[in-house]
Amino acid sequence: MALTSTPGPRASQVTHAPRVSHDPHASRDPRASRASSREADGLAVASFVLGLLGLLVMNILLGPAAIVMACLALARSTARRGRALLGLALGVADLVVLAVLVTVNGTVSWSFGG
């Protein structure tokens, strides 16, 4: 029984790994950019909804959450820029409503009775 060995690659046959570009403007996978765009759009819509809900309930939690999500959506250059800006404005309005409630009533809840 004879064992045969395969010769290793010759110096001329060695392949090198492809160079990785660190250029931020280099072409990217279109599926990854679409997923990132969808995520940013989702953040914009979520900030709008949370800001709107925060005007009615739990403005101490939903206002800051709407502001953070709107800033993230704008930083990721969402296609729904207007919705993100509305979410940002509503988040700030939530905090203004909270400040007014605390100043006027001394509480963090709505009070319609006298």
Protein backbone atom coordinates (compact mmCIF):
# COMPACT_ATOMS: atom_id res chain seq x y z
CA MET A 1 0.00 0.00 0.00
CA ALA A 2 1.57 3.19 -1.11
CA LEU A 3 0.58 6.50 0.34
CA THR A 4 0.57 9.41 -1.99
CA SER A 5 0.58 12.94 -0.84
CA THR A 6 -0.71 15.89 -2.75
CA PRO A 7 1.78 18.66 -3.14
CA GLY A 8 0.99 21.97 -1.48
CA PRO A 9 0.17 25.05 -3.51
CA ARG A 10 2.99 26.66 -5.32
CA ALA A 11 3.90 30.23 -4.68
CA SER A 12 2.31 31.24 -7.98
CA GLN A 13 -0.97 29.50 -7.07
CA VAL A 14 -1.51 31.11 -3.68
CA THR A 15 -4.61 33.24 -3.68
CA HIS A 16 -4.97 36.22 -1.45
CA ALA A 17 -8.08 37.32 0.37
CA PRO A 18 -9.94 40.20 -1.26
CA ARG A 19 -9.15 43.64 0.04
CA VAL A 20 -11.72 45.13 2.37
CA SER A 21 -12.51 48.74 1.69
CA HIS A 22 -12.99 51.01 4.67
CA ASP A 23 -14.64 53.64 2.52
CA PRO A 24 -18.07 54.49 4.02
CA HIS A 25 -19.34 55.36 0.54
CA ALA A 26 -18.38 52.00 -0.95
CA SER A 27 -21.19 50.01 -2.50
CA ARG A 28 -23.22 48.06 -0.01
CA ASP A 29 -25.61 45.19 -0.23
CA PRO A 30 -28.93 46.68 -1.41
CA ARG A 31 -30.88 44.31 0.85
CA ALA A 32 -29.03 45.62 3.91
CA SER A 33 -29.75 49.23 2.99
CA ARG A 34 -33.45 48.42 2.45
CA ALA A 35 -33.63 46.71 5.84
CA SER A 36 -31.91 49.66 7.48
CA SER A 37 -34.31 52.05 5.74
CA ARG A 38 -37.31 50.01 6.90
CA GLU A 39 -35.97 50.02 10.44
CA ALA A 40 -35.52 53.80 10.37
CA ASP A 41 -39.03 54.22 8.95
CA GLY A 42 -40.39 52.01 11.73
CA LEU A 43 -38.63 54.15 14.32
CA ALA A 44 -40.18 57.27 12.81
CA VAL A 45 -43.69 55.83 12.94
CA ALA A 46 -43.15 54.48 16.47
CA SER A 47 -41.95 57.88 17.69
CA PHE A 48 -45.05 59.52 16.23
CA VAL A 49 -47.40 56.98 17.83
CA LEU A 50 -45.67 57.11 21.21
CA GLY A 51 -45.65 60.90 21.17
CA LEU A 52 -49.35 60.98 20.37
CA LEU A 53 -50.21 58.47 23.09
CA GLY A 54 -47.98 60.32 25.53
CA LEU A 55 -50.25 63.36 25.34
CA LEU A 56 -52.99 61.25 26.93
CA VAL A 57 -51.27 58.71 29.20
CA MET A 58 -47.85 58.10 30.75
CA ASN A 59 -46.21 61.20 29.29
CA ILE A 60 -43.33 60.78 31.73
CA LEU A 61 -42.29 57.58 29.90
CA LEU A 62 -43.64 57.95 26.39
CA GLY A 63 -42.36 61.50 25.80
CA PRO A 64 -38.66 60.71 26.22
CA ALA A 65 -39.08 57.41 24.32
CA ALA A 66 -40.64 59.32 21.39
CA ILE A 67 -37.78 61.84 21.41
CA VAL A 68 -35.10 59.12 21.40
CA MET A 69 -36.78 57.14 18.61
CA ALA A 70 -37.26 60.26 16.50
CA CYS A 71 -33.61 61.21 16.89
CA LEU A 72 -32.51 57.70 15.92
CA ALA A 73 -34.78 57.72 12.86
CA LEU A 74 -33.44 61.10 11.76
CA ALA A 75 -29.84 59.99 12.33
CA ARG A 76 -30.45 56.92 10.15
CA SER A 77 -31.93 59.19 7.45
CA THR A 78 -35.45 57.83 7.32
CA ALA A 79 -37.67 58.32 4.31
CA ARG A 80 -40.42 59.39 6.72
CA ARG A 81 -38.64 62.51 7.91
CA GLY A 82 -41.88 64.42 8.52
CA ARG A 83 -43.24 61.64 10.71
CA ALA A 84 -40.01 61.58 12.72
CA LEU A 85 -40.13 65.36 13.19
CA LEU A 86 -43.77 65.10 14.34
CA GLY A 87 -42.75 62.40 16.79
CA LEU A 88 -39.98 64.65 18.08
CA ALA A 89 -42.38 67.58 18.47
CA LEU A 90 -44.99 65.41 20.20
CA GLY A 91 -42.35 64.00 22.56
CA VAL A 92 -41.34 67.52 23.54
CA ALA A 93 -45.03 68.43 23.92
CA ASP A 94 -45.44 65.45 26.25
CA LEU A 95 -42.74 66.82 28.51
CA VAL A 96 -44.29 70.31 28.38
CA VAL A 97 -47.68 68.87 29.37
CA LEU A 98 -45.97 67.01 32.21
CA ALA A 99 -44.30 70.22 33.43
CA VAL A 100 -47.61 72.10 33.30
CA LEU A 101 -49.43 69.33 35.20
CA VAL A 102 -46.80 69.24 37.90
CA THR A 103 -46.79 73.03 38.20
CA VAL A 104 -50.56 73.54 38.24
CA ASN A 105 -51.82 70.48 40.10
CA GLY A 106 -48.74 69.32 41.92
CA THR A 107 -49.39 65.85 40.46
CA VAL A 108 -48.45 63.88 37.38
CA SER A 109 -52.03 62.96 36.45
CA TRP A 110 -54.93 64.63 34.67
CA SER A 111 -57.65 66.17 36.82
CA PHE A 112 -60.89 67.37 35.25
CA GLY A 113 -62.88 67.82 38.46
CA GLY A 114 -62.75 70.83 40.77
